[in-house]
Amino acid sequence: MAKSHHIVGLDIGSASVRAVIAELPNDDGPLKVVGVGTVPSVGIRRGIVVQPEEVAKSINASLEAAERMAGAAVNEVACSVSGSDLFSSSAIGVIAVGKADGEVTEDDLARIVEETQARTILGPNKEILHVVPQHYRLDDQAGIKDPVGLKGVRLELSSLVIGTGSNHLKNLVRSLELAGISAHHFIAEPLASAEAILSPKQKELGVVIVNIGANTTSLAVFEDGDLLHLAVLPVGGSHITNDIAIGLRTSIDVAEAVKVQYGHAIPSEIGKKEAIDLSQFDSQESDEVSRHHVAEIIEARLEEIFHYVNLELKAINREALLPAGVILTGGGVLLPGAVELAKKELRLPAQIGYPKPLGGILDQIDSPASATVVGLLLLSLEDGGVAGRFAFGRASNILNKLPGDWGNIAGRAKGIFKRFLP
């Protein structure tokens, strides 16, 4: 990354585009947030770019707002990659140790990542975004976290490969290009959220972080410090709003206002005689509706979301077996009763996750909705650290094929991105 006094996180979501500028600390203190810009996103469907020109306008608007607040111009960002195209799969790579004396080096780790990618079979129009090492095996010694300096002959890597659709990546790059900005890293949204929210102890014990966004819900599962699983579900907070609009026969805007002001996920905690006057949200509305009925609608959709989360946990044999429980984050988790419903449906301890504290304008980013962008900042700050790593995958080849300076951006992205797993 080019030397700068600032780093920038850019979270491109279905509901909003959020840019945050942070000032690098002079000592061991926290990042200081100096600029925040949040605007509604246009041209995004289920987290996937469908209209690059419109997305570029949203990117520009969010960055301009953040730059005005910070009093500084930026030209590079760490950008999130989200959407229903994200996927993960287990992969294994095997190589012979390169040095004659059998000592494992950093070059061996880079080679085994390349071998893992080469052995991974993807569907059409899919690209590898990250290779996240879980553990190594050196000859007969298994469960090694860092084999550098050890001696052996045969090195094996078990990892989780994270990928996405190649067309989505191309359109995302195009959006940034039209906005006149470049990216020094593209990071899967669940990885960024986990970095902002989870502690090393939670990752060690076993935890699932669930990010309920507007159109999608993402989850990442950790155990023994390793990333075990990552998935994106095609349902989110906007589906709750749509259900309310249909159930109350009202507009989306009114439904969203009702959800925010009167929503609750536990109908039994709402009196059946409580009424909501819709005219307070729209002068053309005259009906009064039951708040208990609204809670029933919200409960049904959240139960569906947690049901699908539970299916993902069941698929990896972790159903009701994560001691650190479920951490809820994202804009869709602020409904009263959501935590209690998660405990009931997932049979796990549950709590709302807030980003790790930074300095500066805290009130602008101290919410679950800011988890991803805070994680982008933290991962950018610790680029080059020594504890853990994940590698960028073949997706960077897409950038090499694009004109202009994008090939140089891809070259930077191909390096090992230090500091992810504890």
Protein backbone atom coordinates (compact mmCIF):
# COMPACT_ATOMS: atom_id res chain seq x y z
CA MET A 1 0.00 0.00 0.00
CA ALA A 2 1.28 3.47 -0.82
CA LYS A 3 2.55 5.45 2.15
CA SER A 4 -0.14 7.70 3.52
CA HIS A 5 -1.29 9.21 6.78
CA HIS A 6 -4.77 7.84 6.14
CA ILE A 7 -6.42 4.54 5.31
CA VAL A 8 -9.90 4.17 3.87
CA GLY A 9 -12.53 1.44 4.14
CA LEU A 10 -15.28 1.25 1.53
CA ASP A 11 -18.24 -1.02 2.29
CA ILE A 12 -20.51 -1.41 -0.75
CA GLY A 13 -23.77 -2.93 0.44
CA SER A 14 -27.27 -3.42 -0.92
CA ALA A 15 -28.78 -0.64 1.20
CA SER A 16 -25.91 1.80 1.58
CA VAL A 17 -22.36 2.60 0.56
CA ARG A 18 -20.23 3.56 3.57
CA ALA A 19 -16.78 5.15 3.35
CA VAL A 20 -14.64 5.75 6.44
CA ILE A 21 -11.32 7.57 6.53
CA ALA A 22 -9.03 6.89 9.49
CA GLU A 23 -5.80 8.57 10.49
CA LEU A 24 -2.88 6.27 11.19
CA PRO A 25 -1.67 6.39 14.81
CA ASN A 26 1.79 7.69 15.64
CA ASP A 27 2.22 5.12 18.39
CA ASP A 28 0.38 2.00 19.53
CA GLY A 29 -2.89 3.87 19.94
CA PRO A 30 -6.06 3.10 18.01
CA LEU A 31 -6.94 4.35 14.56
CA LYS A 32 -8.54 7.79 14.63
CA VAL A 33 -11.67 8.06 12.51
CA VAL A 34 -11.69 11.47 10.84
CA GLY A 35 -14.23 11.12 8.05
CA VAL A 36 -17.43 9.16 7.44
CA GLY A 37 -19.72 9.19 4.44
CA THR A 38 -22.86 7.07 4.10
CA VAL A 39 -25.26 7.26 1.17
CA PRO A 40 -28.03 5.00 -0.17
CA SER A 41 -26.69 2.49 -2.68
CA VAL A 42 -28.07 2.31 -6.21
CA GLY A 43 -27.29 -0.35 -8.79
CA ILE A 44 -26.82 -3.18 -6.26
CA ARG A 45 -29.04 -6.26 -6.10
CA ARG A 46 -28.49 -8.90 -3.39
CA GLY A 47 -25.07 -7.38 -2.79
CA ILE A 48 -24.05 -7.78 -6.44
CA VAL A 49 -23.20 -4.90 -8.78
CA VAL A 50 -25.71 -4.79 -11.65
CA GLN A 51 -25.29 -1.15 -12.74
CA PRO A 52 -21.64 -0.05 -12.42
CA GLU A 53 -22.38 3.55 -13.42
CA GLU A 54 -24.96 3.99 -10.65
CA VAL A 55 -22.73 2.27 -8.10
CA ALA A 56 -19.89 4.63 -9.07
CA LYS A 57 -22.13 7.62 -8.27
CA SER A 58 -22.84 6.21 -4.80
CA ILE A 59 -19.13 5.55 -4.23
CA ASN A 60 -18.30 9.12 -5.26
CA ALA A 61 -20.97 10.59 -2.98
CA SER A 62 -19.84 8.60 0.07
CA LEU A 63 -16.16 9.37 -0.48
CA GLU A 64 -16.81 13.07 -1.04
CA ALA A 65 -18.75 13.28 2.24
CA ALA A 66 -15.97 11.48 4.10
CA GLU A 67 -13.28 13.66 2.49
CA ARG A 68 -15.09 16.86 3.43
CA MET A 69 -15.31 15.73 7.02
CA ALA A 70 -11.67 14.61 7.11
CA GLY A 71 -10.28 17.55 5.18
CA ALA A 72 -8.19 15.12 3.12
CA ALA A 73 -8.39 13.57 -0.34
CA VAL A 74 -7.95 9.83 -0.88
CA ASN A 75 -7.26 7.69 -3.92
CA GLU A 76 -7.00 4.16 -2.53
CA VAL A 77 -9.41 2.07 -0.49
CA ALA A 78 -9.84 -1.34 1.05
CA CYS A 79 -13.07 -2.54 -0.56
CA SER A 80 -15.54 -5.16 0.65
CA VAL A 81 -16.84 -7.93 -1.59
CA SER A 82 -20.29 -9.14 -0.57
CA GLY A 83 -23.37 -10.62 -2.16
CA SER A 84 -25.05 -13.93 -2.75
CA ASP A 85 -22.24 -15.05 -5.08
CA LEU A 86 -19.79 -15.50 -2.20
CA PHE A 87 -19.04 -19.13 -1.38
CA SER A 88 -16.50 -21.24 0.49
CA SER A 89 -15.13 -24.76 0.10
CA SER A 90 -12.45 -26.87 1.76
CA ALA A 91 -9.24 -27.48 -0.15
CA ILE A 92 -5.96 -29.32 0.32
CA GLY A 93 -2.58 -28.59 -1.21
CA VAL A 94 0.56 -30.77 -1.09
CA ILE A 95 4.15 -29.88 -2.04
CA ALA A 96 7.69 -31.12 -1.42
CA VAL A 97 9.74 -28.82 0.81
CA GLY A 98 12.08 -26.79 -1.41
CA LYS A 99 15.32 -26.53 0.56
CA ALA A 100 17.79 -29.40 0.48
CA ASP A 101 18.01 -29.50 4.27
CA GLY A 102 14.20 -29.77 4.52
CA GLU A 103 13.60 -26.47 6.34
CA VAL A 104 10.22 -24.91 5.55
CA THR A 105 10.44 -21.30 4.32
CA GLU A 106 7.99 -18.52 3.41
CA ASP A 107 8.55 -19.48 -0.23
CA ASP A 108 7.15 -22.93 0.53
CA LEU A 109 4.02 -21.34 2.02
CA ALA A 110 3.52 -19.23 -1.10
CA ARG A 111 3.99 -22.30 -3.32
CA ILE A 112 1.53 -24.40 -1.39
CA VAL A 113 -1.11 -21.67 -1.65
CA GLU A 114 -0.60 -21.64 -5.42
CA GLU A 115 -0.85 -25.43 -5.48
CA THR A 116 -4.06 -25.30 -3.44
CA GLN A 117 -5.60 -22.89 -5.93
CA ALA A 118 -4.51 -25.04 -8.86
CA ARG A 119 -6.13 -28.14 -7.32
CA THR A 120 -9.42 -26.35 -6.52
CA ILE A 121 -12.14 -27.08 -9.05
CA LEU A 122 -14.62 -24.22 -9.47
CA GLY A 123 -17.85 -23.94 -11.40
CA PRO A 124 -18.14 -21.73 -14.48
CA ASN A 125 -17.65 -17.97 -13.99
CA LYS A 126 -16.27 -18.43 -10.48
CA GLU A 127 -13.03 -17.00 -9.14
CA ILE A 128 -11.00 -17.59 -5.99
CA LEU A 129 -10.95 -14.50 -3.79
CA HIS A 130 -9.02 -15.76 -0.73
CA VAL A 131 -7.22 -18.86 0.46
CA VAL A 132 -7.49 -18.99 4.26
CA PRO A 133 -5.06 -21.53 5.80
CA GLN A 134 -6.46 -23.62 8.63
CA HIS A 135 -3.56 -25.90 9.55
CA TYR A 136 -0.51 -27.62 8.06
CA ARG A 137 0.82 -31.15 8.15
CA LEU A 138 4.56 -31.77 7.85
CA ASP A 139 5.28 -35.43 7.21
CA ASP A 140 3.60 -37.20 10.15
CA GLN A 141 3.15 -34.10 12.33
CA ALA A 142 -0.40 -32.69 11.99
CA GLY A 143 -2.19 -29.60 13.33
CA ILE A 144 0.69 -27.18 12.75
CA LYS A 145 -0.30 -23.51 12.66
CA ASP A 146 3.01 -22.11 11.35
CA PRO A 147 5.53 -24.58 9.86
CA VAL A 148 8.22 -22.01 8.96
CA GLY A 149 11.55 -23.13 10.44
CA LEU A 150 10.48 -26.74 10.94
CA LYS A 151 12.15 -29.51 8.92
CA GLY A 152 10.51 -32.19 6.83
CA VAL A 153 9.92 -33.50 3.32
CA ARG A 154 6.18 -33.35 2.56
CA LEU A 155 4.12 -30.26 3.42
CA GLU A 156 0.32 -30.38 3.31
CA LEU A 157 -2.10 -27.45 3.76
CA SER A 158 -5.75 -27.68 4.75
CA SER A 159 -7.52 -24.43 3.94
CA LEU A 160 -10.83 -22.77 3.20
CA VAL A 161 -11.12 -21.28 -0.27
CA ILE A 162 -13.42 -18.27 -0.58
CA GLY A 163 -14.68 -17.29 -4.01
CA THR A 164 -17.22 -15.21 -5.84
CA GLY A 165 -18.62 -14.67 -9.32
CA SER A 166 -16.14 -13.33 -11.85
CA ASN A 167 -18.73 -11.03 -13.43
CA HIS A 168 -19.47 -9.44 -10.07
CA LEU A 169 -15.77 -8.75 -9.56
CA LYS A 170 -15.43 -7.24 -13.01
CA ASN A 171 -18.42 -4.97 -12.41
CA LEU A 172 -17.10 -3.99 -8.98
CA VAL A 173 -13.74 -3.05 -10.48
CA ARG A 174 -15.51 -1.12 -13.21
CA SER A 175 -17.52 0.81 -10.61
CA LEU A 176 -14.35 1.83 -8.79
CA GLU A 177 -12.71 2.80 -12.06
CA LEU A 178 -15.64 5.04 -13.01
CA ALA A 179 -15.44 6.64 -9.55
CA GLY A 180 -11.76 7.42 -10.10
CA ILE A 181 -10.60 5.31 -7.16
CA SER A 182 -8.42 2.23 -6.84
CA ALA A 183 -8.40 -0.63 -4.34
CA HIS A 184 -5.31 -1.99 -2.63
CA HIS A 185 -7.32 -4.91 -1.22
CA PHE A 186 -10.63 -6.63 -1.99
CA ILE A 187 -11.83 -8.43 1.14
CA ALA A 188 -14.82 -10.74 1.58
CA GLU A 189 -17.37 -8.97 3.78
CA PRO A 190 -17.72 -11.78 6.40
CA LEU A 191 -13.95 -11.72 7.00
CA ALA A 192 -14.01 -7.97 7.59
CA SER A 193 -17.02 -8.18 9.93
CA ALA A 194 -15.36 -10.94 11.94
CA GLU A 195 -12.16 -8.90 12.28
CA ALA A 196 -14.12 -5.93 13.65
CA ILE A 197 -16.30 -7.88 16.08
CA LEU A 198 -14.76 -11.15 17.26
CA SER A 199 -12.08 -11.63 19.91
CA PRO A 200 -9.35 -14.29 19.69
CA LYS A 201 -10.97 -16.10 22.62
CA GLN A 202 -14.32 -16.32 20.82
CA LYS A 203 -12.62 -17.70 17.70
CA GLU A 204 -10.79 -20.25 19.81
CA LEU A 205 -13.87 -21.46 21.70
CA GLY A 206 -16.15 -21.65 18.65
CA VAL A 207 -18.44 -18.90 17.40
CA VAL A 208 -20.63 -17.91 14.47
CA ILE A 209 -20.95 -14.28 13.42
CA VAL A 210 -24.20 -13.53 11.58
CA ASN A 211 -24.41 -10.27 9.63
CA ILE A 212 -28.01 -9.44 8.68
CA GLY A 213 -27.83 -6.90 5.87
CA ALA A 214 -30.50 -5.46 3.64
CA ASN A 215 -30.78 -8.16 0.97
CA THR A 216 -28.48 -10.88 2.28
CA THR A 217 -27.34 -12.49 5.53
CA SER A 218 -23.74 -13.64 5.77
CA LEU A 219 -22.17 -15.91 8.35
CA ALA A 220 -18.69 -17.04 9.30
CA VAL A 221 -17.90 -19.89 11.71
CA PHE A 222 -14.68 -20.10 13.72
CA GLU A 223 -13.31 -22.82 15.99
CA ASP A 224 -9.85 -23.43 17.44
CA GLY A 225 -8.85 -20.11 15.90
CA ASP A 226 -9.62 -21.37 12.38
CA LEU A 227 -12.22 -20.17 9.90
CA LEU A 228 -14.34 -23.29 9.37
CA HIS A 229 -17.12 -22.08 7.12
CA LEU A 230 -18.48 -19.04 5.31
CA ALA A 231 -21.81 -18.61 3.56
CA VAL A 232 -24.23 -15.97 2.29
CA LEU A 233 -28.01 -16.43 2.47
CA PRO A 234 -30.26 -14.59 -0.02
CA VAL A 235 -32.53 -13.04 2.62
CA GLY A 236 -32.13 -9.97 4.82
CA GLY A 237 -33.74 -7.01 6.53
CA SER A 238 -35.44 -5.66 3.41
CA HIS A 239 -37.45 -8.88 3.20
CA ILE A 240 -38.91 -8.08 6.61
CA THR A 241 -39.92 -4.65 5.32
CA ASN A 242 -41.49 -6.21 2.21
CA ASP A 243 -43.47 -8.65 4.36
CA ILE A 244 -44.79 -5.80 6.51
CA ALA A 245 -45.78 -3.80 3.42
CA ILE A 246 -47.73 -6.78 2.07
CA GLY A 247 -49.27 -7.66 5.43
CA LEU A 248 -50.41 -4.10 6.13
CA ARG A 249 -51.21 -3.25 2.50
CA THR A 250 -49.07 -0.15 2.66
CA SER A 251 -46.04 1.35 0.95
CA ILE A 252 -42.44 0.24 1.46
CA ASP A 253 -41.56 3.59 3.07
CA VAL A 254 -44.36 3.31 5.61
CA ALA A 255 -43.51 -0.34 6.27
CA GLU A 256 -39.87 0.56 6.95
CA ALA A 257 -40.91 3.35 9.34
CA VAL A 258 -43.27 0.99 11.18
CA LYS A 259 -40.51 -1.62 11.47
CA VAL A 260 -37.96 0.85 12.83
CA GLN A 261 -40.29 2.62 15.29
CA TYR A 262 -42.62 -0.16 16.43
CA GLY A 263 -41.00 -3.41 15.33
CA HIS A 264 -40.45 -6.31 17.74
CA ALA A 265 -39.38 -9.90 17.13
CA ILE A 266 -41.32 -11.48 20.03
CA PRO A 267 -45.13 -11.14 19.59
CA SER A 268 -45.83 -12.48 23.08
CA GLU A 269 -44.23 -9.36 24.54
CA ILE A 270 -46.63 -7.07 22.66
CA GLY A 271 -50.19 -6.48 23.83
CA LYS A 272 -52.83 -7.61 21.34
CA LYS A 273 -54.69 -4.33 21.74
CA GLU A 274 -51.72 -2.09 20.91
CA ALA A 275 -52.42 -0.17 17.71
CA ILE A 276 -50.26 1.79 15.25
CA ASP A 277 -51.76 4.80 13.49
CA LEU A 278 -50.33 4.77 9.95
CA SER A 279 -51.34 8.39 9.35
CA GLN A 280 -48.34 9.51 11.42
CA PHE A 281 -46.09 8.17 8.65
CA ASP A 282 -48.16 9.12 5.60
CA SER A 283 -51.03 11.61 5.51
CA GLN A 284 -52.74 9.50 2.84
CA GLU A 285 -52.97 6.55 5.24
CA SER A 286 -55.92 6.37 7.63
CA ASP A 287 -55.80 2.82 9.00
CA GLU A 288 -54.81 1.64 12.43
CA VAL A 289 -52.98 -1.69 12.50
CA SER A 290 -52.15 -4.16 15.24
CA ARG A 291 -48.61 -3.92 16.57
CA HIS A 292 -48.92 -7.55 17.65
CA HIS A 293 -49.58 -8.51 14.03
CA VAL A 294 -46.50 -6.57 12.91
CA ALA A 295 -44.43 -8.49 15.47
CA GLU A 296 -45.79 -11.78 14.11
CA ILE A 297 -44.66 -10.81 10.61
CA ILE A 298 -41.18 -9.89 11.85
CA GLU A 299 -40.90 -13.07 13.91
CA ALA A 300 -41.79 -15.28 10.95
CA ARG A 301 -39.11 -13.79 8.68
CA LEU A 302 -36.39 -13.76 11.36
CA GLU A 303 -37.22 -17.38 12.19
CA GLU A 304 -36.65 -18.19 8.53
CA ILE A 305 -33.25 -16.43 8.55
CA PHE A 306 -32.14 -18.27 11.70
CA HIS A 307 -33.46 -21.55 10.28
CA TYR A 308 -31.16 -21.19 7.28
CA VAL A 309 -28.26 -20.23 9.56
CA ASN A 310 -28.92 -23.39 11.55
CA LEU A 311 -28.88 -25.48 8.36
CA GLU A 312 -25.41 -24.12 7.59
CA LEU A 313 -24.24 -25.05 11.10
CA LYS A 314 -25.79 -28.49 10.76
CA ALA A 315 -23.96 -29.04 7.46
CA ILE A 316 -20.60 -28.66 9.25
CA ASN A 317 -21.71 -30.56 12.39
CA ARG A 318 -21.71 -27.47 14.62
CA GLU A 319 -25.44 -27.18 15.32
CA ALA A 320 -25.86 -25.96 18.95
CA LEU A 321 -22.17 -26.79 19.54
CA LEU A 322 -20.42 -23.41 19.57
CA PRO A 323 -19.58 -22.35 23.17
CA ALA A 324 -19.09 -18.67 22.30
CA GLY A 325 -22.49 -18.69 20.63
CA VAL A 326 -23.82 -16.44 17.90
CA ILE A 327 -22.81 -12.82 17.47
CA LEU A 328 -25.38 -10.77 15.58
CA THR A 329 -24.29 -7.76 13.58
CA GLY A 330 -25.42 -5.66 10.65
CA GLY A 331 -28.24 -3.15 10.37
CA GLY A 332 -30.94 -5.83 10.62
CA VAL A 333 -30.17 -6.97 14.18
CA LEU A 334 -31.30 -3.88 16.06
CA LEU A 335 -34.94 -4.97 16.28
CA PRO A 336 -35.99 -5.56 19.90
CA GLY A 337 -36.27 -9.28 20.59
CA ALA A 338 -33.86 -10.37 17.83
CA VAL A 339 -31.29 -11.65 20.33
CA GLU A 340 -33.88 -13.65 22.28
CA LEU A 341 -35.23 -15.17 19.06
CA ALA A 342 -31.72 -16.14 17.96
CA LYS A 343 -31.12 -17.91 21.29
CA LYS A 344 -34.34 -19.84 20.88
CA GLU A 345 -33.92 -20.84 17.23
CA LEU A 346 -30.19 -21.60 17.25
CA ARG A 347 -30.01 -22.98 20.80
CA LEU A 348 -26.87 -20.97 21.44
CA PRO A 349 -25.85 -17.98 23.56
CA ALA A 350 -26.49 -14.82 21.53
CA GLN A 351 -25.57 -11.16 21.68
CA ILE A 352 -25.31 -8.13 19.43
CA GLY A 353 -21.76 -7.45 18.26
CA TYR A 354 -20.32 -3.94 18.15
CA PRO A 355 -17.08 -2.97 16.39
CA LYS A 356 -13.87 -2.77 18.37
CA PRO A 357 -13.35 0.76 19.72
CA LEU A 358 -11.41 3.22 17.59
CA GLY A 359 -10.52 6.84 18.21
CA GLY A 360 -11.99 9.94 16.62
CA ILE A 361 -15.62 10.26 15.54
CA LEU A 362 -16.92 7.24 17.43
CA ASP A 363 -20.62 8.09 17.26
CA GLN A 364 -20.47 7.71 13.46
CA ILE A 365 -19.28 4.08 13.45
CA ASP A 366 -20.26 2.63 16.84
CA SER A 367 -23.06 0.43 15.53
CA PRO A 368 -23.45 -3.12 14.19
CA ALA A 369 -24.07 -1.68 10.71
CA SER A 370 -20.47 -0.38 10.68
CA ALA A 371 -18.84 -3.74 11.43
CA THR A 372 -17.67 -4.41 7.88
CA VAL A 373 -16.09 -1.02 7.25
CA VAL A 374 -14.30 -1.05 10.62
CA GLY A 375 -12.95 -4.51 9.80
CA LEU A 376 -11.63 -3.20 6.48
CA LEU A 377 -9.74 -0.47 8.36
CA LEU A 378 -8.28 -2.90 10.89
CA LEU A 379 -7.12 -5.34 8.23
CA SER A 380 -5.53 -2.49 6.27
CA LEU A 381 -3.78 -1.22 9.39
CA GLU A 382 -2.27 -4.60 10.17
CA ASP A 383 -1.16 -5.43 6.65
CA GLY A 384 2.36 -6.79 7.02
CA GLY A 385 1.86 -8.13 10.54
CA VAL A 386 3.24 -11.50 11.64
CA ALA A 387 0.27 -13.29 13.21
CA GLY A 388 -1.56 -15.43 10.67
CA ARG A 389 -2.28 -14.73 7.02
CA PHE A 390 -4.66 -15.26 4.17
CA ALA A 391 -3.70 -15.10 0.52
CA PHE A 392 -5.39 -13.45 -2.40
CA GLY A 393 -6.57 -15.86 -5.06
CA ARG A 394 -6.75 -16.08 -8.82
CA ALA A 395 -9.49 -13.44 -8.90
CA SER A 396 -6.73 -10.84 -9.17
CA ASN A 397 -6.09 -12.15 -12.70
CA ILE A 398 -9.29 -10.39 -13.74
CA LEU A 399 -7.65 -7.09 -12.92
CA ASN A 400 -4.59 -7.94 -14.99
CA LYS A 401 -6.79 -8.11 -18.08
CA LEU A 402 -8.19 -4.62 -17.56
CA PRO A 403 -6.63 -1.52 -19.11
CA GLY A 404 -4.87 1.33 -17.38
CA ASP A 405 -3.40 1.08 -13.91
CA TRP A 406 -5.59 -1.82 -12.80
CA GLY A 407 -2.84 -4.34 -13.58
CA ASN A 408 -0.63 -2.63 -11.00
CA ILE A 409 -3.45 -2.80 -8.45
CA ALA A 410 -3.76 -6.51 -9.11
CA GLY A 411 -0.03 -6.97 -8.62
CA ARG A 412 -0.31 -5.50 -5.14
CA ALA A 413 -3.32 -7.65 -4.37
CA LYS A 414 -1.45 -10.86 -5.24
CA GLY A 415 0.83 -10.54 -2.21
CA ILE A 416 0.24 -12.33 1.04
CA PHE A 417 -2.10 -10.26 3.21
CA LYS A 418 -0.78 -10.73 6.72
CA ARG A 419 -2.82 -10.83 9.92
CA PHE A 420 -6.17 -12.45 9.76
CA LEU A 421 -6.38 -15.60 11.80
CA PRO A 422 -5.39 -15.30 15.48
